[in-house]
Amino acid sequence: MLQRVSAIKPVRLANTISRCATYEVRAYSTSGDDSAKVSAVYKRLGVDLSDASLMTQSITHKSFSHGSLPTNEKLGYLGRTFLQMHVTEQKWDKVKSNRTLRSSVAHAIATDKLAKVARSMGVDEVMRWKAASSTDSKVGEDSVLAHTMEAIVGAVYHDKGSKAARDFVTKHIYTY
């Protein structure tokens, strides 16, 4: 049931605001150690984004308890779309049928392959997510890793453009 703002006692309102502000500071800030780890991963990937918050956003999955911190959903969608287009362009003349093209592209950017690339680059050490329960923390990790890798591709594309994203994909994800 909604309460009118005037009906809330000033002290209670101040306490609520204080708790929310404290939570947001914790959610938005990453420790120096965390940001150093994220920067190291991006350096290993050969990526120099102009916006540091984009790095944090690209490794923050929607399952992470973060308040209103932006997640990697949109970047992941952008990266996945770019990956599909790029790999399709590379396979276009090499594949005869539409069905073969589709399965070939899907195979080239499969979840297990993207997760393997992400692990080899240390993305699993810095990605921010929360497993459904502590007993099955490995369940879904490949999926989240693959999505995070797609978000990193999306961040590169968004920040540096198509050429940089193509170079990144060619170097790290899809070799011909």
C-alpha atoms as a PDB file:
ATOM      1  CA  MET A   1       0.000   0.000   0.000  1.00  0.00           C
ATOM      2  CA  LEU A   2       1.370   3.389  -0.945  1.00  0.00           C
ATOM      3  CA  GLN A   3       1.848   6.055   1.680  1.00  0.00           C
ATOM      4  CA  ARG A   4       1.726   9.700   1.015  1.00  0.00           C
ATOM      5  CA  VAL A   5       5.104  11.355   1.457  1.00  0.00           C
ATOM      6  CA  SER A   6       3.665  13.817   3.954  1.00  0.00           C
ATOM      7  CA  ALA A   7       2.473  10.886   6.106  1.00  0.00           C
ATOM      8  CA  ILE A   8       6.016   9.559   6.567  1.00  0.00           C
ATOM      9  CA  LYS A   9       7.746  10.908   9.629  1.00  0.00           C
ATOM     10  CA  PRO A  10      10.797  13.072   8.798  1.00  0.00           C
ATOM     11  CA  VAL A  11      13.183  10.981  10.932  1.00  0.00           C
ATOM     12  CA  ARG A  12      12.069   7.743   9.320  1.00  0.00           C
ATOM     13  CA  LEU A  13      12.342   9.291   5.871  1.00  0.00           C
ATOM     14  CA  ALA A  14      15.866  10.544   6.636  1.00  0.00           C
ATOM     15  CA  ASN A  15      16.898   7.071   7.863  1.00  0.00           C
ATOM     16  CA  THR A  16      15.478   5.429   4.744  1.00  0.00           C
ATOM     17  CA  ILE A  17      17.266   7.881   2.474  1.00  0.00           C
ATOM     18  CA  SER A  18      20.499   7.378   4.390  1.00  0.00           C
ATOM     19  CA  ARG A  19      20.252   3.569   4.047  1.00  0.00           C
ATOM     20  CA  CYS A  20      19.537   3.854   0.326  1.00  0.00           C
ATOM     21  CA  ALA A  21      22.429   6.261  -0.218  1.00  0.00           C
ATOM     22  CA  THR A  22      24.803   3.977   1.680  1.00  0.00           C
ATOM     23  CA  TYR A  23      23.672   0.991  -0.396  1.00  0.00           C
ATOM     24  CA  GLU A  24      24.121   2.916  -3.653  1.00  0.00           C
ATOM     25  CA  VAL A  25      27.649   3.959  -2.702  1.00  0.00           C
ATOM     26  CA  ARG A  26      28.545   0.327  -2.042  1.00  0.00           C
ATOM     27  CA  ALA A  27      26.895  -0.785  -5.286  1.00  0.00           C
ATOM     28  CA  TYR A  28      28.518   1.827  -7.490  1.00  0.00           C
ATOM     29  CA  SER A  29      31.983   1.829  -6.032  1.00  0.00           C
ATOM     30  CA  THR A  30      34.455  -0.897  -6.687  1.00  0.00           C
ATOM     31  CA  SER A  31      37.481  -1.225  -4.522  1.00  0.00           C
ATOM     32  CA  GLY A  32      40.825  -0.196  -5.948  1.00  0.00           C
ATOM     33  CA  ASP A  33      41.757  -3.864  -6.066  1.00  0.00           C
ATOM     34  CA  ASP A  34      38.631  -4.722  -8.096  1.00  0.00           C
ATOM     35  CA  SER A  35      39.132  -1.922 -10.591  1.00  0.00           C
ATOM     36  CA  ALA A  36      42.799  -2.894 -10.929  1.00  0.00           C
ATOM     37  CA  LYS A  37      41.759  -6.489 -11.696  1.00  0.00           C
ATOM     38  CA  VAL A  38      39.216  -5.301 -14.272  1.00  0.00           C
ATOM     39  CA  SER A  39      41.819  -3.034 -15.881  1.00  0.00           C
ATOM     40  CA  ALA A  40      44.299  -5.928 -15.968  1.00  0.00           C
ATOM     41  CA  VAL A  41      41.761  -8.149 -17.742  1.00  0.00           C
ATOM     42  CA  TYR A  42      41.021  -5.434 -20.286  1.00  0.00           C
ATOM     43  CA  LYS A  43      44.750  -4.914 -20.783  1.00  0.00           C
ATOM     44  CA  ARG A  44      45.157  -8.674 -21.406  1.00  0.00           C
ATOM     45  CA  LEU A  45      42.391  -8.387 -23.968  1.00  0.00           C
ATOM     46  CA  GLY A  46      44.160  -5.466 -25.609  1.00  0.00           C
ATOM     47  CA  VAL A  47      41.228  -3.121 -25.039  1.00  0.00           C
ATOM     48  CA  ASP A  48      41.557   0.493 -23.945  1.00  0.00           C
ATOM     49  CA  LEU A  49      38.071   1.896 -23.397  1.00  0.00           C
ATOM     50  CA  SER A  50      37.738   5.636 -22.972  1.00  0.00           C
ATOM     51  CA  ASP A  51      35.001   5.220 -20.352  1.00  0.00           C
ATOM     52  CA  ALA A  52      35.993   3.209 -17.269  1.00  0.00           C
ATOM     53  CA  SER A  53      32.348   2.814 -16.207  1.00  0.00           C
ATOM     54  CA  LEU A  54      31.751   0.914 -19.448  1.00  0.00           C
ATOM     55  CA  MET A  55      34.304  -1.673 -18.289  1.00  0.00           C
ATOM     56  CA  THR A  56      32.440  -2.170 -15.020  1.00  0.00           C
ATOM     57  CA  GLN A  57      29.091  -2.295 -16.793  1.00  0.00           C
ATOM     58  CA  SER A  58      30.303  -4.942 -19.238  1.00  0.00           C
ATOM     59  CA  ILE A  59      31.242  -7.346 -16.424  1.00  0.00           C
ATOM     60  CA  THR A  60      28.101  -6.746 -14.317  1.00  0.00           C
ATOM     61  CA  HIS A  61      25.436  -9.384 -14.948  1.00  0.00           C
ATOM     62  CA  LYS A  62      21.799  -8.672 -14.110  1.00  0.00           C
ATOM     63  CA  SER A  63      21.890 -11.298 -11.330  1.00  0.00           C
ATOM     64  CA  PHE A  64      24.408  -9.237  -9.357  1.00  0.00           C
ATOM     65  CA  SER A  65      22.860  -7.480  -6.333  1.00  0.00           C
ATOM     66  CA  HIS A  66      23.629  -3.975  -7.370  1.00  0.00           C
ATOM     67  CA  GLY A  67      20.708  -1.645  -6.842  1.00  0.00           C
ATOM     68  CA  SER A  68      20.464   0.546  -9.896  1.00  0.00           C
ATOM     69  CA  LEU A  69      23.937  -0.042 -11.337  1.00  0.00           C
ATOM     70  CA  PRO A  70      23.755  -0.540 -15.119  1.00  0.00           C
ATOM     71  CA  THR A  71      24.130  -4.163 -16.193  1.00  0.00           C
ATOM     72  CA  ASN A  72      25.632  -5.719 -19.290  1.00  0.00           C
ATOM     73  CA  GLU A  73      22.327  -6.686 -20.920  1.00  0.00           C
ATOM     74  CA  LYS A  74      22.305  -4.038 -23.655  1.00  0.00           C
ATOM     75  CA  LEU A  75      26.043  -4.372 -24.277  1.00  0.00           C
ATOM     76  CA  GLY A  76      25.607  -8.149 -24.478  1.00  0.00           C
ATOM     77  CA  TYR A  77      22.844  -7.788 -27.052  1.00  0.00           C
ATOM     78  CA  LEU A  78      24.977  -5.400 -29.098  1.00  0.00           C
ATOM     79  CA  GLY A  79      27.991  -7.724 -28.876  1.00  0.00           C
ATOM     80  CA  ARG A  80      26.005 -10.841 -29.797  1.00  0.00           C
ATOM     81  CA  THR A  81      24.501  -9.086 -32.808  1.00  0.00           C
ATOM     82  CA  PHE A  82      27.912  -7.855 -33.912  1.00  0.00           C
ATOM     83  CA  LEU A  83      29.435 -11.340 -33.489  1.00  0.00           C
ATOM     84  CA  GLN A  84      26.678 -12.910 -35.572  1.00  0.00           C
ATOM     85  CA  MET A  85      27.102 -10.336 -38.330  1.00  0.00           C
ATOM     86  CA  HIS A  86      30.900 -10.552 -38.370  1.00  0.00           C
ATOM     87  CA  VAL A  87      31.050 -14.353 -38.443  1.00  0.00           C
ATOM     88  CA  THR A  88      28.272 -14.472 -41.061  1.00  0.00           C
ATOM     89  CA  GLU A  89      30.295 -12.128 -43.291  1.00  0.00           C
ATOM     90  CA  GLN A  90      33.345 -14.381 -42.927  1.00  0.00           C
ATOM     91  CA  LYS A  91      31.416 -17.559 -43.728  1.00  0.00           C
ATOM     92  CA  TRP A  92      29.204 -16.115 -46.485  1.00  0.00           C
ATOM     93  CA  ASP A  93      31.217 -17.297 -49.499  1.00  0.00           C
ATOM     94  CA  LYS A  94      32.450 -20.489 -47.861  1.00  0.00           C
ATOM     95  CA  VAL A  95      29.049 -22.013 -47.115  1.00  0.00           C
ATOM     96  CA  LYS A  96      26.497 -23.087 -49.730  1.00  0.00           C
ATOM     97  CA  SER A  97      23.148 -23.341 -47.941  1.00  0.00           C
ATOM     98  CA  ASN A  98      21.317 -21.081 -45.539  1.00  0.00           C
ATOM     99  CA  ARG A  99      20.888 -23.903 -43.024  1.00  0.00           C
ATOM    100  CA  THR A 100      24.614 -24.661 -43.078  1.00  0.00           C
ATOM    101  CA  LEU A 101      25.407 -20.960 -42.709  1.00  0.00           C
ATOM    102  CA  ARG A 102      23.160 -20.641 -39.656  1.00  0.00           C
ATOM    103  CA  SER A 103      24.550 -23.711 -37.915  1.00  0.00           C
ATOM    104  CA  SER A 104      28.099 -22.732 -38.821  1.00  0.00           C
ATOM    105  CA  VAL A 105      27.679 -19.257 -37.290  1.00  0.00           C
ATOM    106  CA  ALA A 106      25.996 -20.684 -34.189  1.00  0.00           C
ATOM    107  CA  HIS A 107      28.816 -23.184 -33.759  1.00  0.00           C
ATOM    108  CA  ALA A 108      31.499 -20.479 -34.145  1.00  0.00           C
ATOM    109  CA  ILE A 109      30.046 -18.326 -31.349  1.00  0.00           C
ATOM    110  CA  ALA A 110      28.601 -21.029 -29.104  1.00  0.00           C
ATOM    111  CA  THR A 111      28.272 -20.467 -25.369  1.00  0.00           C
ATOM    112  CA  ASP A 112      30.957 -23.008 -24.460  1.00  0.00           C
ATOM    113  CA  LYS A 113      33.472 -21.405 -26.843  1.00  0.00           C
ATOM    114  CA  LEU A 114      32.822 -17.885 -25.567  1.00  0.00           C
ATOM    115  CA  ALA A 115      33.037 -19.115 -21.965  1.00  0.00           C
ATOM    116  CA  LYS A 116      36.367 -20.803 -22.704  1.00  0.00           C
ATOM    117  CA  VAL A 117      37.761 -17.585 -24.209  1.00  0.00           C
ATOM    118  CA  ALA A 118      36.496 -15.601 -21.220  1.00  0.00           C
ATOM    119  CA  ARG A 119      38.154 -18.000 -18.748  1.00  0.00           C
ATOM    120  CA  SER A 120      41.445 -17.947 -20.642  1.00  0.00           C
ATOM    121  CA  MET A 121      41.493 -14.152 -20.353  1.00  0.00           C
ATOM    122  CA  GLY A 122      40.553 -14.084 -16.654  1.00  0.00           C
ATOM    123  CA  VAL A 123      37.075 -12.635 -17.113  1.00  0.00           C
ATOM    124  CA  ASP A 124      35.715 -15.225 -14.659  1.00  0.00           C
ATOM    125  CA  GLU A 125      37.850 -13.651 -11.914  1.00  0.00           C
ATOM    126  CA  VAL A 126      36.276 -10.207 -12.281  1.00  0.00           C
ATOM    127  CA  MET A 127      32.740 -10.716 -13.581  1.00  0.00           C
ATOM    128  CA  ARG A 128      30.041  -9.631 -11.188  1.00  0.00           C
ATOM    129  CA  TRP A 129      27.151 -12.079 -10.890  1.00  0.00           C
ATOM    130  CA  LYS A 130      25.256 -14.156  -8.402  1.00  0.00           C
ATOM    131  CA  ALA A 131      24.491 -17.843  -8.867  1.00  0.00           C
ATOM    132  CA  ALA A 132      20.930 -18.993  -8.255  1.00  0.00           C
ATOM    133  CA  SER A 133      22.099 -20.767  -5.082  1.00  0.00           C
ATOM    134  CA  SER A 134      25.396 -21.519  -3.404  1.00  0.00           C
ATOM    135  CA  THR A 135      25.112 -25.253  -4.105  1.00  0.00           C
ATOM    136  CA  ASP A 136      24.953 -24.840  -7.869  1.00  0.00           C
ATOM    137  CA  SER A 137      27.300 -21.917  -8.418  1.00  0.00           C
ATOM    138  CA  LYS A 138      28.855 -23.629 -11.444  1.00  0.00           C
ATOM    139  CA  VAL A 139      25.438 -24.083 -13.045  1.00  0.00           C
ATOM    140  CA  GLY A 140      24.951 -21.200 -15.393  1.00  0.00           C
ATOM    141  CA  GLU A 141      28.492 -19.890 -15.071  1.00  0.00           C
ATOM    142  CA  ASP A 142      29.309 -20.737 -18.698  1.00  0.00           C
ATOM    143  CA  SER A 143      26.212 -18.904 -19.838  1.00  0.00           C
ATOM    144  CA  VAL A 144      27.049 -15.823 -17.760  1.00  0.00           C
ATOM    145  CA  LEU A 145      30.675 -15.924 -18.937  1.00  0.00           C
ATOM    146  CA  ALA A 146      29.573 -16.113 -22.575  1.00  0.00           C
ATOM    147  CA  HIS A 147      27.152 -13.236 -22.063  1.00  0.00           C
ATOM    148  CA  THR A 148      29.891 -11.202 -20.374  1.00  0.00           C
ATOM    149  CA  MET A 149      32.208 -11.872 -23.307  1.00  0.00           C
ATOM    150  CA  GLU A 150      29.469 -10.681 -25.669  1.00  0.00           C
ATOM    151  CA  ALA A 151      29.077  -7.569 -23.505  1.00  0.00           C
ATOM    152  CA  ILE A 152      32.800  -6.893 -23.772  1.00  0.00           C
ATOM    153  CA  VAL A 153      32.515  -7.117 -27.571  1.00  0.00           C
ATOM    154  CA  GLY A 154      29.541  -4.743 -27.338  1.00  0.00           C
ATOM    155  CA  ALA A 155      31.542  -2.323 -25.175  1.00  0.00           C
ATOM    156  CA  VAL A 156      34.418  -2.338 -27.660  1.00  0.00           C
ATOM    157  CA  TYR A 157      32.009  -1.743 -30.537  1.00  0.00           C
ATOM    158  CA  HIS A 158      30.163   1.003 -28.654  1.00  0.00           C
ATOM    159  CA  ASP A 159      33.321   2.797 -27.524  1.00  0.00           C
ATOM    160  CA  LYS A 160      35.800   2.202 -30.355  1.00  0.00           C
ATOM    161  CA  GLY A 161      33.689   1.370 -33.385  1.00  0.00           C
ATOM    162  CA  SER A 162      33.342  -1.406 -35.919  1.00  0.00           C
ATOM    163  CA  LYS A 163      37.004  -1.758 -36.934  1.00  0.00           C
ATOM    164  CA  ALA A 164      38.233  -2.136 -33.347  1.00  0.00           C
ATOM    165  CA  ALA A 165      35.464  -4.645 -32.617  1.00  0.00           C
ATOM    166  CA  ARG A 166      36.381  -6.644 -35.738  1.00  0.00           C
ATOM    167  CA  ASP A 167      40.031  -6.688 -34.716  1.00  0.00           C
ATOM    168  CA  PHE A 168      39.095  -7.771 -31.197  1.00  0.00           C
ATOM    169  CA  VAL A 169      36.833 -10.573 -32.417  1.00  0.00           C
ATOM    170  CA  THR A 170      39.440 -11.760 -34.915  1.00  0.00           C
ATOM    171  CA  LYS A 171      42.201 -11.777 -32.319  1.00  0.00           C
ATOM    172  CA  HIS A 172      40.328 -13.357 -29.411  1.00  0.00           C
ATOM    173  CA  ILE A 173      37.128 -15.102 -30.465  1.00  0.00           C
ATOM    174  CA  TYR A 174      36.887 -16.110 -34.090  1.00  0.00           C
ATOM    175  CA  THR A 175      40.002 -17.094 -35.971  1.00  0.00           C
ATOM    176  CA  TYR A 176      39.521 -18.116 -39.560  1.00  0.00           C
END
